[in-house]
Amino acid sequence: MAAGMAQAETVPSNAELFRMLKEQQQTISELRSELKAARQERRAAITRETREVTAVARQAGRDAAKDAMASAPPAQAYAMVGKGPALSQASGRGAYVGVFGGGGSRSGSDLSQLGTVFFIEAVGGPSAVNANGRTGSGGVGFGGAHLGYEWAYGTHLMPALEIEGFYIAGNDRRATLDNPTIRLEEHRFDNTLPTRSTVLLANMVLGFRSPYANITPYIGGGFGAAHVSIKGATSSQLDPAEPGINHFNSNPDAAVWTFAAQAKAGARVALGSGAYLFGEYRYLYIGDTSHVFGSTNYLTHAATSPWTVNSGGTSHHLAAGGVGFNF
């Protein structure tokens, strides 16, 4: 009986069990709170460390970008500031040489023929001739060569200076000229002028970088001189008719220099190893000319002075193709 009473005393009552359970729950809550606080403190520390590392990295990036921009060409620096891709510097060809040929059309031009026919006094004495007309248009062919030097300017432009010369053939001009005079009802000439021109020009050419690495469009223009040569000229009188008479017979050849200018646009295609093909359109202007031919010298014809033939400027529309080499 005494043993049973001692065992009853060691068994906790319900009230004690409830109190013990409540104390355990409070301990667990405190542990959870401490754990939550520790986690929050750890997260805050990680965030602070991350911000500090990011700030240092950003500053380092800014410093590196400033150094890169300071040492970069202007175009690359602009691309860096604009957050765009940096373009590489355009590459000029350096020295180059090319040959070309093509054809096109020539405009008509005003034409005048001046001279004096020395009739004897019995038929009225000397008679001045000032006949005027206009040549028709026609086709021409040409060929030549150029030599130049190209360099790079920025990322898109490639200027060049070049000299070139070419020869224009197939340019036989013809015109009917009327000389108004009170001494004749009609005084009309038919002139044929086989013309050949040698053109020498100094050009400025500007190439443009394109999305296609091997294709370069360009424009250009230049000034210079043209040597306009006429060989075998004829001047036949139609009214009144003089069969078999060429009024320039004593010297049907003449040549003069005059002003020349052109504008052109085209594109070239790189073939590799410095070789390239090109095609272009040209507008060429050759200035006014004044050729002096020989006098009329026939036993059956009155003597004359040398004949001056004045021609207005001519425009040429030309298409050309060629091949060139960089060196």
C-alpha atoms as a PDB file:
ATOM      1  CA  MET A   1       0.000   0.000   0.000  1.00  0.00           C
ATOM      2  CA  ALA A   2       2.846   2.335   0.780  1.00  0.00           C
ATOM      3  CA  ALA A   3       4.382   1.538  -2.611  1.00  0.00           C
ATOM      4  CA  GLY A   4       1.144   2.438  -4.400  1.00  0.00           C
ATOM      5  CA  MET A   5       0.937   5.727  -2.641  1.00  0.00           C
ATOM      6  CA  ALA A   6       4.522   6.613  -3.618  1.00  0.00           C
ATOM      7  CA  GLN A   7       3.810   5.849  -7.310  1.00  0.00           C
ATOM      8  CA  ALA A   8       0.713   8.054  -7.183  1.00  0.00           C
ATOM      9  CA  GLU A   9       2.806  10.933  -5.921  1.00  0.00           C
ATOM     10  CA  THR A  10       5.316  10.686  -8.899  1.00  0.00           C
ATOM     11  CA  VAL A  11       2.614  10.869 -11.571  1.00  0.00           C
ATOM     12  CA  PRO A  12       1.996  14.541 -12.545  1.00  0.00           C
ATOM     13  CA  SER A  13      -1.468  15.859 -12.424  1.00  0.00           C
ATOM     14  CA  ASN A  14      -3.363  17.148 -15.471  1.00  0.00           C
ATOM     15  CA  ALA A  15      -2.769  20.697 -14.393  1.00  0.00           C
ATOM     16  CA  GLU A  16       0.952  20.139 -14.336  1.00  0.00           C
ATOM     17  CA  LEU A  17       0.901  18.450 -17.731  1.00  0.00           C
ATOM     18  CA  PHE A  18      -0.991  21.410 -19.226  1.00  0.00           C
ATOM     19  CA  ARG A  19       1.489  23.853 -17.730  1.00  0.00           C
ATOM     20  CA  MET A  20       4.461  21.872 -19.060  1.00  0.00           C
ATOM     21  CA  LEU A  21       2.923  21.720 -22.565  1.00  0.00           C
ATOM     22  CA  LYS A  22       2.297  25.442 -22.528  1.00  0.00           C
ATOM     23  CA  GLU A  23       5.902  26.128 -21.551  1.00  0.00           C
ATOM     24  CA  GLN A  24       7.150  23.924 -24.444  1.00  0.00           C
ATOM     25  CA  GLN A  25       4.917  25.731 -26.956  1.00  0.00           C
ATOM     26  CA  GLN A  26       6.229  29.103 -25.715  1.00  0.00           C
ATOM     27  CA  THR A  27       9.814  27.856 -26.077  1.00  0.00           C
ATOM     28  CA  ILE A  28       9.102  26.686 -29.640  1.00  0.00           C
ATOM     29  CA  SER A  29       7.568  30.073 -30.533  1.00  0.00           C
ATOM     30  CA  GLU A  30      10.589  31.889 -29.175  1.00  0.00           C
ATOM     31  CA  LEU A  31      12.910  29.658 -31.189  1.00  0.00           C
ATOM     32  CA  ARG A  32      10.890  30.313 -34.344  1.00  0.00           C
ATOM     33  CA  SER A  33      11.035  34.062 -33.750  1.00  0.00           C
ATOM     34  CA  GLU A  34      14.760  33.944 -33.219  1.00  0.00           C
ATOM     35  CA  LEU A  35      15.215  31.833 -36.376  1.00  0.00           C
ATOM     36  CA  LYS A  36      13.061  34.260 -38.416  1.00  0.00           C
ATOM     37  CA  ALA A  37      15.037  37.222 -37.116  1.00  0.00           C
ATOM     38  CA  ALA A  38      18.296  35.489 -37.969  1.00  0.00           C
ATOM     39  CA  ARG A  39      17.074  34.786 -41.501  1.00  0.00           C
ATOM     40  CA  GLN A  40      15.992  38.381 -42.009  1.00  0.00           C
ATOM     41  CA  GLU A  41      19.305  39.657 -40.730  1.00  0.00           C
ATOM     42  CA  ARG A  42      21.133  37.297 -43.072  1.00  0.00           C
ATOM     43  CA  ARG A  43      19.050  38.439 -46.062  1.00  0.00           C
ATOM     44  CA  ALA A  44      19.697  42.076 -45.226  1.00  0.00           C
ATOM     45  CA  ALA A  45      23.423  41.400 -45.009  1.00  0.00           C
ATOM     46  CA  ILE A  46      23.404  39.598 -48.381  1.00  0.00           C
ATOM     47  CA  THR A  47      21.454  42.489 -49.959  1.00  0.00           C
ATOM     48  CA  ARG A  48      23.944  45.028 -48.599  1.00  0.00           C
ATOM     49  CA  GLU A  49      26.862  43.004 -49.896  1.00  0.00           C
ATOM     50  CA  THR A  50      25.211  42.616 -53.320  1.00  0.00           C
ATOM     51  CA  ARG A  51      24.582  46.350 -53.598  1.00  0.00           C
ATOM     52  CA  GLU A  52      28.124  47.136 -52.626  1.00  0.00           C
ATOM     53  CA  VAL A  53      29.522  44.672 -55.200  1.00  0.00           C
ATOM     54  CA  THR A  54      27.185  46.033 -57.890  1.00  0.00           C
ATOM     55  CA  ALA A  55      28.170  49.615 -57.158  1.00  0.00           C
ATOM     56  CA  VAL A  56      31.843  48.744 -57.349  1.00  0.00           C
ATOM     57  CA  ALA A  57      31.313  46.843 -60.611  1.00  0.00           C
ATOM     58  CA  ARG A  58      29.338  49.703 -62.152  1.00  0.00           C
ATOM     59  CA  GLN A  59      31.998  52.214 -61.237  1.00  0.00           C
ATOM     60  CA  ALA A  60      34.665  49.949 -62.653  1.00  0.00           C
ATOM     61  CA  GLY A  61      32.610  49.585 -65.854  1.00  0.00           C
ATOM     62  CA  ARG A  62      32.214  53.362 -66.142  1.00  0.00           C
ATOM     63  CA  ASP A  63      35.933  53.865 -65.664  1.00  0.00           C
ATOM     64  CA  ALA A  64      36.708  51.221 -68.295  1.00  0.00           C
ATOM     65  CA  ALA A  65      34.201  52.761 -70.725  1.00  0.00           C
ATOM     66  CA  LYS A  66      35.726  56.219 -70.245  1.00  0.00           C
ATOM     67  CA  ASP A  67      39.184  54.845 -70.913  1.00  0.00           C
ATOM     68  CA  ALA A  68      37.938  53.001 -74.027  1.00  0.00           C
ATOM     69  CA  MET A  69      36.136  56.085 -75.369  1.00  0.00           C
ATOM     70  CA  ALA A  70      39.184  58.238 -74.749  1.00  0.00           C
ATOM     71  CA  SER A  71      41.337  55.939 -76.869  1.00  0.00           C
ATOM     72  CA  ALA A  72      38.712  55.042 -79.513  1.00  0.00           C
ATOM     73  CA  PRO A  73      38.199  56.830 -82.890  1.00  0.00           C
ATOM     74  CA  PRO A  74      35.288  59.324 -82.927  1.00  0.00           C
ATOM     75  CA  ALA A  75      32.903  56.983 -84.764  1.00  0.00           C
ATOM     76  CA  GLN A  76      33.477  54.156 -82.289  1.00  0.00           C
ATOM     77  CA  ALA A  77      33.135  56.531 -79.330  1.00  0.00           C
ATOM     78  CA  TYR A  78      29.822  57.767 -80.742  1.00  0.00           C
ATOM     79  CA  ALA A  79      28.602  54.206 -81.113  1.00  0.00           C
ATOM     80  CA  MET A  80      29.590  53.479 -77.482  1.00  0.00           C
ATOM     81  CA  VAL A  81      27.695  56.500 -76.191  1.00  0.00           C
ATOM     82  CA  GLY A  82      24.657  55.603 -78.304  1.00  0.00           C
ATOM     83  CA  LYS A  83      24.857  51.992 -77.127  1.00  0.00           C
ATOM     84  CA  GLY A  84      25.032  50.934 -80.784  1.00  0.00           C
ATOM     85  CA  PRO A  85      27.470  48.606 -82.520  1.00  0.00           C
ATOM     86  CA  ALA A  86      30.840  50.188 -83.205  1.00  0.00           C
ATOM     87  CA  LEU A  87      31.582  50.525 -86.930  1.00  0.00           C
ATOM     88  CA  SER A  88      35.039  49.795 -88.189  1.00  0.00           C
ATOM     89  CA  GLN A  89      36.970  52.490 -90.038  1.00  0.00           C
ATOM     90  CA  ALA A  90      36.290  52.523 -93.789  1.00  0.00           C
ATOM     91  CA  SER A  91      39.236  51.274 -95.810  1.00  0.00           C
ATOM     92  CA  GLY A  92      40.422  53.227 -98.865  1.00  0.00           C
ATOM     93  CA  ARG A  93      41.948  51.513-101.885  1.00  0.00           C
ATOM     94  CA  GLY A  94      45.077  53.616-101.947  1.00  0.00           C
ATOM     95  CA  ALA A  95      46.514  54.033-105.441  1.00  0.00           C
ATOM     96  CA  TYR A  96      44.523  52.546-108.314  1.00  0.00           C
ATOM     97  CA  VAL A  97      44.429  52.410-112.098  1.00  0.00           C
ATOM     98  CA  GLY A  98      41.623  51.465-114.473  1.00  0.00           C
ATOM     99  CA  VAL A  99      40.702  51.206-118.133  1.00  0.00           C
ATOM    100  CA  PHE A 100      37.200  51.669-119.509  1.00  0.00           C
ATOM    101  CA  GLY A 101      35.110  52.002-122.638  1.00  0.00           C
ATOM    102  CA  GLY A 102      31.547  52.533-123.718  1.00  0.00           C
ATOM    103  CA  GLY A 103      29.222  54.567-125.859  1.00  0.00           C
ATOM    104  CA  GLY A 104      26.379  57.010-125.831  1.00  0.00           C
ATOM    105  CA  SER A 105      24.841  59.975-127.545  1.00  0.00           C
ATOM    106  CA  ARG A 106      25.878  63.496-128.465  1.00  0.00           C
ATOM    107  CA  SER A 107      23.526  66.467-128.598  1.00  0.00           C
ATOM    108  CA  GLY A 108      23.212  68.805-131.555  1.00  0.00           C
ATOM    109  CA  SER A 109      24.808  72.257-131.440  1.00  0.00           C
ATOM    110  CA  ASP A 110      24.556  75.606-133.149  1.00  0.00           C
ATOM    111  CA  LEU A 111      26.960  76.071-136.082  1.00  0.00           C
ATOM    112  CA  SER A 112      28.065  79.085-138.068  1.00  0.00           C
ATOM    113  CA  GLN A 113      30.405  79.516-141.044  1.00  0.00           C
ATOM    114  CA  LEU A 114      32.126  82.836-141.620  1.00  0.00           C
ATOM    115  CA  GLY A 115      34.206  83.984-144.585  1.00  0.00           C
ATOM    116  CA  THR A 116      34.429  86.248-147.569  1.00  0.00           C
ATOM    117  CA  VAL A 117      34.057  85.444-151.277  1.00  0.00           C
ATOM    118  CA  PHE A 118      36.167  87.782-153.399  1.00  0.00           C
ATOM    119  CA  PHE A 119      33.933  88.381-156.409  1.00  0.00           C
ATOM    120  CA  ILE A 120      35.232  90.851-158.961  1.00  0.00           C
ATOM    121  CA  GLU A 121      33.770  94.329-158.996  1.00  0.00           C
ATOM    122  CA  ALA A 122      31.914  93.591-162.201  1.00  0.00           C
ATOM    123  CA  VAL A 123      29.590  91.238-160.313  1.00  0.00           C
ATOM    124  CA  GLY A 124      29.284  93.252-157.107  1.00  0.00           C
ATOM    125  CA  GLY A 125      32.657  92.862-155.422  1.00  0.00           C
ATOM    126  CA  PRO A 126      33.443  90.842-152.260  1.00  0.00           C
ATOM    127  CA  SER A 127      30.558  89.147-150.489  1.00  0.00           C
ATOM    128  CA  ALA A 128      30.588  88.335-146.769  1.00  0.00           C
ATOM    129  CA  VAL A 129      29.250  84.948-145.720  1.00  0.00           C
ATOM    130  CA  ASN A 130      27.663  84.394-142.306  1.00  0.00           C
ATOM    131  CA  ALA A 131      25.785  81.109-142.663  1.00  0.00           C
ATOM    132  CA  ASN A 132      24.028  79.561-139.671  1.00  0.00           C
ATOM    133  CA  GLY A 133      22.448  76.238-138.845  1.00  0.00           C
ATOM    134  CA  ARG A 134      22.451  73.445-136.314  1.00  0.00           C
ATOM    135  CA  THR A 135      24.032  69.992-136.288  1.00  0.00           C
ATOM    136  CA  GLY A 136      21.955  66.943-135.544  1.00  0.00           C
ATOM    137  CA  SER A 137      22.512  64.627-132.608  1.00  0.00           C
ATOM    138  CA  GLY A 138      24.343  61.340-133.012  1.00  0.00           C
ATOM    139  CA  GLY A 139      25.981  58.363-131.394  1.00  0.00           C
ATOM    140  CA  VAL A 140      29.563  58.150-130.139  1.00  0.00           C
ATOM    141  CA  GLY A 141      31.978  55.573-128.763  1.00  0.00           C
ATOM    142  CA  PHE A 142      34.834  56.191-126.353  1.00  0.00           C
ATOM    143  CA  GLY A 143      37.628  54.540-124.417  1.00  0.00           C
ATOM    144  CA  GLY A 144      40.273  55.621-121.943  1.00  0.00           C
ATOM    145  CA  ALA A 145      42.060  55.155-118.641  1.00  0.00           C
ATOM    146  CA  HIS A 146      42.330  56.770-115.221  1.00  0.00           C
ATOM    147  CA  LEU A 147      44.825  56.866-112.366  1.00  0.00           C
ATOM    148  CA  GLY A 148      43.933  57.897-108.831  1.00  0.00           C
ATOM    149  CA  TYR A 149      44.373  57.632-105.098  1.00  0.00           C
ATOM    150  CA  GLU A 150      41.594  56.864-102.597  1.00  0.00           C
ATOM    151  CA  TRP A 151      41.656  57.226 -98.818  1.00  0.00           C
ATOM    152  CA  ALA A 152      39.137  56.721 -96.002  1.00  0.00           C
ATOM    153  CA  TYR A 153      37.203  59.427 -94.184  1.00  0.00           C
ATOM    154  CA  GLY A 154      35.236  58.144 -91.181  1.00  0.00           C
ATOM    155  CA  THR A 155      33.237  54.949 -91.407  1.00  0.00           C
ATOM    156  CA  HIS A 156      31.255  55.532 -94.615  1.00  0.00           C
ATOM    157  CA  LEU A 157      33.122  57.875 -96.987  1.00  0.00           C
ATOM    158  CA  MET A 158      36.045  57.162 -99.302  1.00  0.00           C
ATOM    159  CA  PRO A 159      37.132  60.258-101.256  1.00  0.00           C
ATOM    160  CA  ALA A 160      39.571  59.994-104.155  1.00  0.00           C
ATOM    161  CA  LEU A 161      41.446  62.236-106.546  1.00  0.00           C
ATOM    162  CA  GLU A 162      42.077  60.995-110.064  1.00  0.00           C
ATOM    163  CA  ILE A 163      43.209  62.062-113.484  1.00  0.00           C
ATOM    164  CA  GLU A 164      41.808  60.480-116.611  1.00  0.00           C
ATOM    165  CA  GLY A 165      41.923  60.720-120.345  1.00  0.00           C
ATOM    166  CA  PHE A 166      39.677  59.259-123.027  1.00  0.00           C
ATOM    167  CA  TYR A 167      39.117  59.416-126.759  1.00  0.00           C
ATOM    168  CA  ILE A 168      35.697  59.995-128.362  1.00  0.00           C
ATOM    169  CA  ALA A 169      35.108  58.763-131.913  1.00  0.00           C
ATOM    170  CA  GLY A 170      32.186  58.192-134.267  1.00  0.00           C
ATOM    171  CA  ASN A 171      31.251  61.832-134.008  1.00  0.00           C
ATOM    172  CA  ASP A 172      30.591  62.954-137.610  1.00  0.00           C
ATOM    173  CA  ARG A 173      28.556  66.135-137.334  1.00  0.00           C
ATOM    174  CA  ARG A 174      26.513  67.443-140.227  1.00  0.00           C
ATOM    175  CA  ALA A 175      24.489  70.629-140.691  1.00  0.00           C
ATOM    176  CA  THR A 176      22.708  72.662-143.337  1.00  0.00           C
ATOM    177  CA  LEU A 177      23.615  76.364-143.099  1.00  0.00           C
ATOM    178  CA  ASP A 178      21.730  79.310-144.553  1.00  0.00           C
ATOM    179  CA  ASN A 179      23.420  82.600-145.448  1.00  0.00           C
ATOM    180  CA  PRO A 180      20.854  85.402-145.774  1.00  0.00           C
ATOM    181  CA  THR A 181      22.000  87.832-148.465  1.00  0.00           C
ATOM    182  CA  ILE A 182      20.345  90.294-150.832  1.00  0.00           C
ATOM    183  CA  ARG A 183      22.696  89.272-153.626  1.00  0.00           C
ATOM    184  CA  LEU A 184      21.243  85.764-153.971  1.00  0.00           C
ATOM    185  CA  GLU A 185      17.767  84.353-153.585  1.00  0.00           C
ATOM    186  CA  GLU A 186      19.233  81.455-151.634  1.00  0.00           C
ATOM    187  CA  HIS A 187      22.709  80.758-150.355  1.00  0.00           C
ATOM    188  CA  ARG A 188      22.872  77.410-148.579  1.00  0.00           C
ATOM    189  CA  PHE A 189      25.730  75.109-147.531  1.00  0.00           C
ATOM    190  CA  ASP A 190      25.869  71.464-146.497  1.00  0.00           C
ATOM    191  CA  ASN A 191      28.731  70.916-144.037  1.00  0.00           C
ATOM    192  CA  THR A 192      30.166  67.641-142.762  1.00  0.00           C
ATOM    193  CA  LEU A 193      32.594  67.746-139.830  1.00  0.00           C
ATOM    194  CA  PRO A 194      34.244  64.396-138.905  1.00  0.00           C
ATOM    195  CA  THR A 195      35.099  65.169-135.284  1.00  0.00           C
ATOM    196  CA  ARG A 196      37.350  63.315-132.865  1.00  0.00           C
ATOM    197  CA  SER A 197      37.913  64.524-129.289  1.00  0.00           C
ATOM    198  CA  THR A 198      40.569  63.751-126.715  1.00  0.00           C
ATOM    199  CA  VAL A 199      39.405  64.669-123.206  1.00  0.00           C
ATOM    200  CA  LEU A 200      41.704  65.192-120.194  1.00  0.00           C
ATOM    201  CA  LEU A 201      40.097  65.672-116.766  1.00  0.00           C
ATOM    202  CA  ALA A 202      40.992  65.986-113.088  1.00  0.00           C
ATOM    203  CA  ASN A 203      38.240  64.365-111.015  1.00  0.00           C
ATOM    204  CA  MET A 204      37.055  64.270-107.428  1.00  0.00           C
ATOM    205  CA  VAL A 205      35.316  60.969-106.635  1.00  0.00           C
ATOM    206  CA  LEU A 206      33.417  60.075-103.459  1.00  0.00           C
ATOM    207  CA  GLY A 207      32.769  56.416-102.633  1.00  0.00           C
ATOM    208  CA  PHE A 208      30.205  55.222-100.088  1.00  0.00           C
ATOM    209  CA  ARG A 209      30.420  52.195 -97.825  1.00  0.00           C
ATOM    210  CA  SER A 210      27.451  49.889 -98.504  1.00  0.00           C
ATOM    211  CA  PRO A 211      25.925  46.923 -96.628  1.00  0.00           C
ATOM    212  CA  TYR A 212      27.626  44.693 -99.190  1.00  0.00           C
ATOM    213  CA  ALA A 213      31.340  44.543 -98.504  1.00  0.00           C
ATOM    214  CA  ASN A 214      32.371  44.016-102.128  1.00  0.00           C
ATOM    215  CA  ILE A 215      30.101  46.679-103.709  1.00  0.00           C
ATOM    216  CA  THR A 216      30.946  50.385-103.510  1.00  0.00           C
ATOM    217  CA  PRO A 217      28.689  53.026-105.086  1.00  0.00           C
ATOM    218  CA  TYR A 218      30.277  56.361-105.948  1.00  0.00           C
ATOM    219  CA  ILE A 219      29.706  59.752-107.506  1.00  0.00           C
ATOM    220  CA  GLY A 220      32.209  62.144-109.006  1.00  0.00           C
ATOM    221  CA  GLY A 221      32.909  65.106-111.185  1.00  0.00           C
ATOM    222  CA  GLY A 222      35.775  66.898-112.827  1.00  0.00           C
ATOM    223  CA  PHE A 223      37.081  69.700-115.005  1.00  0.00           C
ATOM    224  CA  GLY A 224      39.652  69.813-117.715  1.00  0.00           C
ATOM    225  CA  ALA A 225      40.130  70.346-121.419  1.00  0.00           C
ATOM    226  CA  ALA A 226      39.215  68.691-124.694  1.00  0.00           C
ATOM    227  CA  HIS A 227      41.228  68.634-127.895  1.00  0.00           C
ATOM    228  CA  VAL A 228      38.611  68.744-130.664  1.00  0.00           C
ATOM    229  CA  SER A 229      40.023  67.660-134.007  1.00  0.00           C
ATOM    230  CA  ILE A 230      38.221  67.787-137.361  1.00  0.00           C
ATOM    231  CA  LYS A 231      39.778  66.005-140.321  1.00  0.00           C
ATOM    232  CA  GLY A 232      38.401  65.923-143.848  1.00  0.00           C
ATOM    233  CA  ALA A 233      35.733  68.592-143.372  1.00  0.00           C
ATOM    234  CA  THR A 234      33.560  69.466-146.366  1.00  0.00           C
ATOM    235  CA  SER A 235      31.397  72.466-147.185  1.00  0.00           C
ATOM    236  CA  SER A 236      29.313  72.039-150.309  1.00  0.00           C
ATOM    237  CA  GLN A 237      27.114  74.789-151.667  1.00  0.00           C
ATOM    238  CA  LEU A 238      23.572  73.560-152.302  1.00  0.00           C
ATOM    239  CA  ASP A 239      21.932  76.763-153.533  1.00  0.00           C
ATOM    240  CA  PRO A 240      23.071  77.912-155.993  1.00  0.00           C
ATOM    241  CA  ALA A 241      24.518  74.455-156.635  1.00  0.00           C
ATOM    242  CA  GLU A 242      28.274  74.092-157.117  1.00  0.00           C
ATOM    243  CA  PRO A 243      28.889  70.382-157.840  1.00  0.00           C
ATOM    244  CA  GLY A 244      32.326  69.067-156.905  1.00  0.00           C
ATOM    245  CA  ILE A 245      33.336  72.133-154.899  1.00  0.00           C
ATOM    246  CA  ASN A 246      34.506  71.775-151.284  1.00  0.00           C
ATOM    247  CA  HIS A 247      34.908  75.257-149.878  1.00  0.00           C
ATOM    248  CA  PHE A 248      37.510  73.957-147.372  1.00  0.00           C
ATOM    249  CA  ASN A 249      39.579  72.189-150.012  1.00  0.00           C
ATOM    250  CA  SER A 250      42.904  73.966-149.395  1.00  0.00           C
ATOM    251  CA  ASN A 251      42.968  72.697-145.784  1.00  0.00           C
ATOM    252  CA  PRO A 252      40.040  70.580-144.558  1.00  0.00           C
ATOM    253  CA  ASP A 253      41.707  69.823-141.193  1.00  0.00           C
ATOM    254  CA  ALA A 254      41.675  71.898-138.006  1.00  0.00           C
ATOM    255  CA  ALA A 255      42.004  71.315-134.265  1.00  0.00           C
ATOM    256  CA  VAL A 256      41.464  73.431-131.130  1.00  0.00           C
ATOM    257  CA  TRP A 257      41.463  73.064-127.349  1.00  0.00           C
ATOM    258  CA  THR A 258      38.370  73.943-125.309  1.00  0.00           C
ATOM    259  CA  PHE A 259      36.863  73.585-121.849  1.00  0.00           C
ATOM    260  CA  ALA A 260      35.441  70.225-120.700  1.00  0.00           C
ATOM    261  CA  ALA A 261      33.590  69.081-117.578  1.00  0.00           C
ATOM    262  CA  GLN A 262      31.789  65.955-116.466  1.00  0.00           C
ATOM    263  CA  ALA A 263      29.694  64.392-113.710  1.00  0.00           C
ATOM    264  CA  LYS A 264      29.455  60.653-113.155  1.00  0.00           C
ATOM    265  CA  ALA A 265      27.854  58.045-110.918  1.00  0.00           C
ATOM    266  CA  GLY A 266      28.414  54.322-110.732  1.00  0.00           C
ATOM    267  CA  ALA A 267      29.436  51.331-108.649  1.00  0.00           C
ATOM    268  CA  ARG A 268      32.420  49.026-108.484  1.00  0.00           C
ATOM    269  CA  VAL A 269      32.562  45.370-107.502  1.00  0.00           C
ATOM    270  CA  ALA A 270      35.675  43.971-105.833  1.00  0.00           C
ATOM    271  CA  LEU A 271      36.964  40.728-107.374  1.00  0.00           C
ATOM    272  CA  GLY A 272      39.795  40.031-104.924  1.00  0.00           C
ATOM    273  CA  SER A 273      43.562  40.466-105.113  1.00  0.00           C
ATOM    274  CA  GLY A 274      43.061  44.192-105.733  1.00  0.00           C
ATOM    275  CA  ALA A 275      41.055  43.763-108.953  1.00  0.00           C
ATOM    276  CA  TYR A 276      37.602  45.248-109.480  1.00  0.00           C
ATOM    277  CA  LEU A 277      34.949  45.820-112.150  1.00  0.00           C
ATOM    278  CA  PHE A 278      32.978  49.043-112.462  1.00  0.00           C
ATOM    279  CA  GLY A 279      30.087  50.496-114.414  1.00  0.00           C
ATOM    280  CA  GLU A 280      28.981  54.107-114.562  1.00  0.00           C
ATOM    281  CA  TYR A 281      26.952  56.838-116.242  1.00  0.00           C
ATOM    282  CA  ARG A 282      28.669  60.031-117.358  1.00  0.00           C
ATOM    283  CA  TYR A 283      27.426  63.414-118.415  1.00  0.00           C
ATOM    284  CA  LEU A 284      30.156  65.161-120.402  1.00  0.00           C
ATOM    285  CA  TYR A 285      30.099  68.740-121.639  1.00  0.00           C
ATOM    286  CA  ILE A 286      32.557  70.010-124.251  1.00  0.00           C
ATOM    287  CA  GLY A 287      32.632  73.778-124.695  1.00  0.00           C
ATOM    288  CA  ASP A 288      32.366  76.068-127.700  1.00  0.00           C
ATOM    289  CA  THR A 289      34.923  75.684-130.478  1.00  0.00           C
ATOM    290  CA  SER A 290      36.166  77.829-133.340  1.00  0.00           C
ATOM    291  CA  HIS A 291      37.960  75.972-136.159  1.00  0.00           C
ATOM    292  CA  VAL A 292      39.642  77.725-139.078  1.00  0.00           C
ATOM    293  CA  PHE A 293      39.777  75.829-142.380  1.00  0.00           C
ATOM    294  CA  GLY A 294      41.544  76.690-145.603  1.00  0.00           C
ATOM    295  CA  SER A 295      40.213  78.965-148.292  1.00  0.00           C
ATOM    296  CA  THR A 296      38.423  77.787-151.426  1.00  0.00           C
ATOM    297  CA  ASN A 297      41.009  77.181-154.115  1.00  0.00           C
ATOM    298  CA  TYR A 298      39.646  76.195-157.541  1.00  0.00           C
ATOM    299  CA  LEU A 299      40.333  77.689-160.980  1.00  0.00           C
ATOM    300  CA  THR A 300      36.594  77.704-161.613  1.00  0.00           C
ATOM    301  CA  HIS A 301      35.645  79.378-158.332  1.00  0.00           C
ATOM    302  CA  ALA A 302      36.165  82.860-156.927  1.00  0.00           C
ATOM    303  CA  ALA A 303      38.886  83.108-154.308  1.00  0.00           C
ATOM    304  CA  THR A 304      37.824  83.195-150.678  1.00  0.00           C
ATOM    305  CA  SER A 305      39.267  83.951-147.279  1.00  0.00           C
ATOM    306  CA  PRO A 306      39.938  81.084-144.844  1.00  0.00           C
ATOM    307  CA  TRP A 307      36.678  79.812-143.375  1.00  0.00           C
ATOM    308  CA  THR A 308      35.915  79.995-139.652  1.00  0.00           C
ATOM    309  CA  VAL A 309      33.415  77.464-138.313  1.00  0.00           C
ATOM    310  CA  ASN A 310      32.060  78.202-134.839  1.00  0.00           C
ATOM    311  CA  SER A 311      30.280  75.491-132.896  1.00  0.00           C
ATOM    312  CA  GLY A 312      28.322  75.749-129.665  1.00  0.00           C
ATOM    313  CA  GLY A 313      28.951  73.442-126.715  1.00  0.00           C
ATOM    314  CA  THR A 314      27.876  69.817-126.927  1.00  0.00           C
ATOM    315  CA  SER A 315      26.442  67.520-124.260  1.00  0.00           C
ATOM    316  CA  HIS A 316      27.199  63.808-124.117  1.00  0.00           C
ATOM    317  CA  HIS A 317      25.309  61.101-122.255  1.00  0.00           C
ATOM    318  CA  LEU A 318      27.645  58.135-121.871  1.00  0.00           C
ATOM    319  CA  ALA A 319      27.586  54.645-120.354  1.00  0.00           C
ATOM    320  CA  ALA A 320      30.910  53.047-119.459  1.00  0.00           C
ATOM    321  CA  GLY A 321      32.253  49.797-118.063  1.00  0.00           C
ATOM    322  CA  GLY A 322      35.786  48.850-117.118  1.00  0.00           C
ATOM    323  CA  VAL A 323      38.261  46.992-114.977  1.00  0.00           C
ATOM    324  CA  GLY A 324      40.760  48.337-112.469  1.00  0.00           C
ATOM    325  CA  PHE A 325      43.458  47.338-110.004  1.00  0.00           C
ATOM    326  CA  ASN A 326      44.572  48.654-106.596  1.00  0.00           C
ATOM    327  CA  PHE A 327      48.271  48.741-105.849  1.00  0.00           C
END
